[in-house]
């Protein structure tokens, strides 16, 4: 069986936030500050809703009979459309079991929303049995099917109140925790042009997920 463990890193979708909240004329930093403040007032957290994220890195572990590979998709200058198309093209090529930590709760919904913005070819991913009957009872979209395994959800017995962060579970099991960065620091790192560091941080998550 081919297996693709994946993770994404995101920043605020500044252009989208400008359009949605009529923040034209503000700098990127001021737009981010404004939407973070709105989110704090709404929900007591700065973590934005899924559709307001923009993907800046997708990292993966691919395990097949022929090889085992850990890498970040695209090159350091790849735009969001290229990252998304590479992700879906890998699914088209290998038909892997997707494995994630909170991928069902965050990564995949963000990927879905962002894919609306581009002419992305993702027919294999969205297949539910109309063209390929093998996907009828096991596809990437249905919650309890196995083509996508969200380890956080499985270990929590599909109970949101029982879910736990990967960093803490990794530490509990004796694996390294977060090293050098956290998701909350990605926006600051992006503003400083630290794309390589973001990609490296994203890829660091994956060996830990692969251990479970």
Protein backbone atom coordinates (compact mmCIF):
# COMPACT_ATOMS: atom_id res chain seq x y z
CA UNK A 1 0.00 0.00 0.00
CA UNK A 2 1.22 3.50 -0.85
CA UNK A 3 1.04 5.93 2.07
CA UNK A 4 1.30 9.74 1.95
CA UNK A 5 1.67 11.52 5.28
CA UNK A 6 1.12 15.26 4.83
CA UNK A 7 1.01 18.58 6.64
CA UNK A 8 0.46 22.20 5.61
CA UNK A 9 1.59 25.57 6.91
CA UNK A 10 -0.52 28.66 6.37
CA UNK A 11 -0.61 32.41 6.73
CA UNK A 12 -3.58 34.80 6.66
CA UNK A 13 -5.02 35.25 3.17
CA UNK A 14 -4.33 38.97 3.12
CA UNK A 15 -5.91 39.67 -0.28
CA UNK A 16 -9.00 37.68 0.61
CA UNK A 17 -9.34 39.44 3.96
CA UNK A 18 -9.09 42.80 2.24
CA UNK A 19 -11.98 41.90 -0.06
CA UNK A 20 -14.18 40.28 2.58
CA UNK A 21 -13.74 42.91 5.29
CA UNK A 22 -13.19 45.98 3.07
CA UNK A 23 -9.68 46.62 4.40
CA UNK A 24 -8.38 48.24 1.23
CA UNK A 25 -5.58 50.74 1.75
CA UNK A 26 -4.09 48.95 4.75
CA UNK A 27 -0.67 47.33 4.70
CA UNK A 28 -0.41 43.55 4.84
CA UNK A 29 0.63 43.74 8.47
CA UNK A 30 -2.29 46.02 9.38
CA UNK A 31 -4.75 43.73 7.60
CA UNK A 32 -3.42 40.78 9.58
CA UNK A 33 -3.64 42.74 12.83
CA UNK A 34 -7.23 43.72 12.03
CA UNK A 35 -8.44 40.20 11.28
CA UNK A 36 -6.60 38.77 14.29
CA UNK A 37 -8.34 41.37 16.47
CA UNK A 38 -11.74 40.58 14.96
CA UNK A 39 -11.17 36.89 15.56
CA UNK A 40 -10.14 37.50 19.19
CA UNK A 41 -13.36 39.43 19.75
CA UNK A 42 -15.45 36.70 18.11
CA UNK A 43 -13.87 33.58 19.54
CA UNK A 44 -11.18 34.49 22.06
CA UNK A 45 -8.41 33.24 19.75
CA UNK A 46 -6.39 34.65 16.86
CA UNK A 47 -6.63 31.39 14.94
CA UNK A 48 -8.52 32.33 11.80
CA UNK A 49 -11.37 30.37 10.27
CA UNK A 50 -10.37 27.85 7.63
CA UNK A 51 -11.30 29.88 4.55
CA UNK A 52 -9.09 32.80 5.62
CA UNK A 53 -5.82 30.82 5.47
CA UNK A 54 -3.39 30.74 2.55
CA UNK A 55 -1.08 27.76 2.11
CA UNK A 56 2.64 28.52 1.95
CA UNK A 57 4.03 25.01 2.45
CA UNK A 58 2.92 21.42 1.99
CA UNK A 59 5.29 18.72 3.21
CA UNK A 60 4.94 14.99 2.78
CA UNK A 61 6.29 11.56 3.56
CA UNK A 62 5.69 9.13 0.70
CA UNK A 63 6.14 5.42 1.34
CA UNK A 64 5.85 2.97 -1.56
CA UNK A 65 7.36 -0.43 -2.32
CA UNK A 66 10.14 1.32 -4.25
CA UNK A 67 11.13 4.18 -1.98
CA UNK A 68 10.62 6.30 1.12
CA UNK A 69 10.83 10.07 0.71
CA UNK A 70 10.42 13.11 2.98
CA UNK A 71 10.20 16.50 1.27
CA UNK A 72 8.35 19.79 0.83
CA UNK A 73 6.38 20.06 -2.39
CA UNK A 74 7.63 22.40 -5.10
CA UNK A 75 10.62 24.67 -4.84
CA UNK A 76 11.10 27.58 -2.49
CA UNK A 77 9.45 29.99 -4.97
CA UNK A 78 6.40 27.81 -5.68
CA UNK A 79 3.07 29.60 -5.43
CA UNK A 80 -0.05 28.22 -3.76
CA UNK A 81 -1.58 26.92 -6.97
CA UNK A 82 1.56 24.93 -7.76
CA UNK A 83 1.65 23.42 -4.25
CA UNK A 84 -1.98 22.37 -4.47
CA UNK A 85 -1.64 20.88 -7.94
CA UNK A 86 1.44 18.90 -6.89
CA UNK A 87 -0.46 17.54 -3.89
CA UNK A 88 -3.40 16.38 -5.99
CA UNK A 89 -1.14 15.08 -8.77
CA UNK A 90 0.59 12.85 -6.22
CA UNK A 91 -2.78 11.43 -5.24
CA UNK A 92 -3.58 10.85 -8.92
CA UNK A 93 -0.28 9.04 -9.48
CA UNK A 94 -0.04 6.88 -6.35
CA UNK A 95 -3.62 6.61 -4.99
CA UNK A 96 -2.08 6.58 -1.50
CA UNK A 97 -3.68 6.28 1.87
CA UNK A 98 -3.47 9.84 3.21
CA UNK A 99 -2.33 10.12 6.82
CA UNK A 100 -2.46 13.31 8.86
CA UNK A 101 -2.74 14.77 12.32
CA UNK A 102 -5.92 16.86 12.40
CA UNK A 103 -6.03 16.76 8.61
CA UNK A 104 -9.77 16.25 8.68
CA UNK A 105 -10.26 19.17 11.03
CA UNK A 106 -7.85 21.62 9.42
CA UNK A 107 -5.53 20.70 6.55
CA UNK A 108 -8.04 19.20 4.14
CA UNK A 109 -10.78 21.82 4.65
CA UNK A 110 -8.19 24.53 4.00
CA UNK A 111 -6.99 22.66 0.90
CA UNK A 112 -10.60 22.41 -0.30
CA UNK A 113 -11.29 26.11 0.11
CA UNK A 114 -8.03 27.19 -1.47
CA UNK A 115 -8.57 24.89 -4.44
CA UNK A 116 -11.70 26.88 -5.31
CA UNK A 117 -9.45 29.76 -6.36
CA UNK A 118 -7.52 27.95 -9.09
CA UNK A 119 -8.08 25.64 -12.10
CA UNK A 120 -6.92 22.60 -10.14
CA UNK A 121 -7.15 19.05 -11.54
CA UNK A 122 -8.18 16.89 -8.57
CA UNK A 123 -10.70 14.44 -10.04
CA UNK A 124 -9.12 11.39 -8.37
CA UNK A 125 -9.29 12.97 -4.93
CA UNK A 126 -12.99 13.89 -5.30
CA UNK A 127 -13.99 10.50 -6.72
CA UNK A 128 -16.77 8.83 -4.71
CA UNK A 129 -17.65 5.93 -7.00
CA UNK A 130 -19.37 7.47 -10.00
CA UNK A 131 -16.45 6.69 -12.33
CA UNK A 132 -14.44 4.24 -10.23
CA UNK A 133 -16.55 1.83 -8.19
CA UNK A 134 -13.61 1.00 -5.90
CA UNK A 135 -14.11 4.46 -4.38
CA UNK A 136 -17.78 3.91 -3.56
CA UNK A 137 -17.15 2.47 -0.11
CA UNK A 138 -13.65 3.79 0.47
CA UNK A 139 -12.80 7.30 -0.67
CA UNK A 140 -10.92 10.37 0.54
CA UNK A 141 -14.00 12.34 1.55
CA UNK A 142 -16.15 10.14 3.79
CA UNK A 143 -15.29 10.47 7.46
CA UNK A 144 -14.95 6.80 8.36
CA UNK A 145 -13.33 5.57 5.16
CA UNK A 146 -9.66 4.61 5.19
CA UNK A 147 -8.22 6.45 2.19
CA UNK A 148 -7.63 9.28 4.66
CA UNK A 149 -6.63 8.41 8.22
CA UNK A 150 -6.64 11.36 10.62
CA UNK A 151 -4.56 9.98 13.48
CA UNK A 152 -5.66 12.63 15.95
CA UNK A 153 -9.29 11.80 15.28
CA UNK A 154 -8.73 8.04 15.44
CA UNK A 155 -6.76 8.17 18.71
CA UNK A 156 -9.44 10.42 20.23
CA UNK A 157 -12.12 7.87 19.21
CA UNK A 158 -13.67 10.62 17.06
CA UNK A 159 -14.43 12.66 20.19
CA UNK A 160 -13.36 16.31 19.78
CA UNK A 161 -13.02 16.78 23.54
CA UNK A 162 -10.48 13.94 23.66
CA UNK A 163 -8.21 15.29 20.89
CA UNK A 164 -4.62 16.26 21.69
CA UNK A 165 -1.88 18.28 19.97
CA UNK A 166 0.79 16.33 18.09
CA UNK A 167 3.60 18.11 19.93
CA UNK A 168 2.40 16.82 23.30
CA UNK A 169 1.66 13.29 22.12
CA UNK A 170 5.09 13.12 20.47
CA UNK A 171 6.72 14.22 23.73
CA UNK A 172 4.65 11.73 25.69
CA UNK A 173 5.96 8.94 23.45
CA UNK A 174 9.57 10.11 23.65
CA UNK A 175 9.78 11.76 20.23
CA UNK A 176 11.08 15.32 19.68
CA UNK A 177 8.60 18.13 20.20
CA UNK A 178 8.46 21.36 18.23
CA UNK A 179 11.87 22.52 17.10
CA UNK A 180 12.64 26.15 16.32
CA UNK A 181 9.17 27.32 15.34
CA UNK A 182 5.45 26.87 15.94
CA UNK A 183 2.39 27.43 13.80
CA UNK A 184 1.67 30.72 15.54
CA UNK A 185 5.04 32.07 14.39
CA UNK A 186 4.67 31.21 10.69
CA UNK A 187 3.16 34.60 9.76
CA UNK A 188 6.04 36.47 11.38
CA UNK A 189 8.57 34.17 9.70
CA UNK A 190 6.86 34.66 6.34
CA UNK A 191 7.04 38.44 6.67
CA UNK A 192 10.77 38.09 7.27
CA UNK A 193 11.18 36.04 4.10
CA UNK A 194 11.95 32.82 5.97
CA UNK A 195 10.24 30.49 3.49
CA UNK A 196 12.93 27.82 3.77
CA UNK A 197 12.58 27.79 7.54
CA UNK A 198 8.80 27.42 7.24
CA UNK A 199 9.18 24.52 4.79
CA UNK A 200 11.73 22.85 7.06
CA UNK A 201 9.46 23.27 10.08
CA UNK A 202 6.53 21.78 8.17
CA UNK A 203 8.59 18.74 7.16
CA UNK A 204 9.77 18.20 10.76
CA UNK A 205 6.22 17.28 11.82
CA UNK A 206 5.97 14.36 9.47
CA UNK A 207 8.38 11.73 10.83
CA UNK A 208 6.60 12.04 14.18
CA UNK A 209 3.20 11.42 12.57
CA UNK A 210 4.71 8.47 10.68
CA UNK A 211 5.71 6.80 13.97
CA UNK A 212 2.10 6.37 15.12
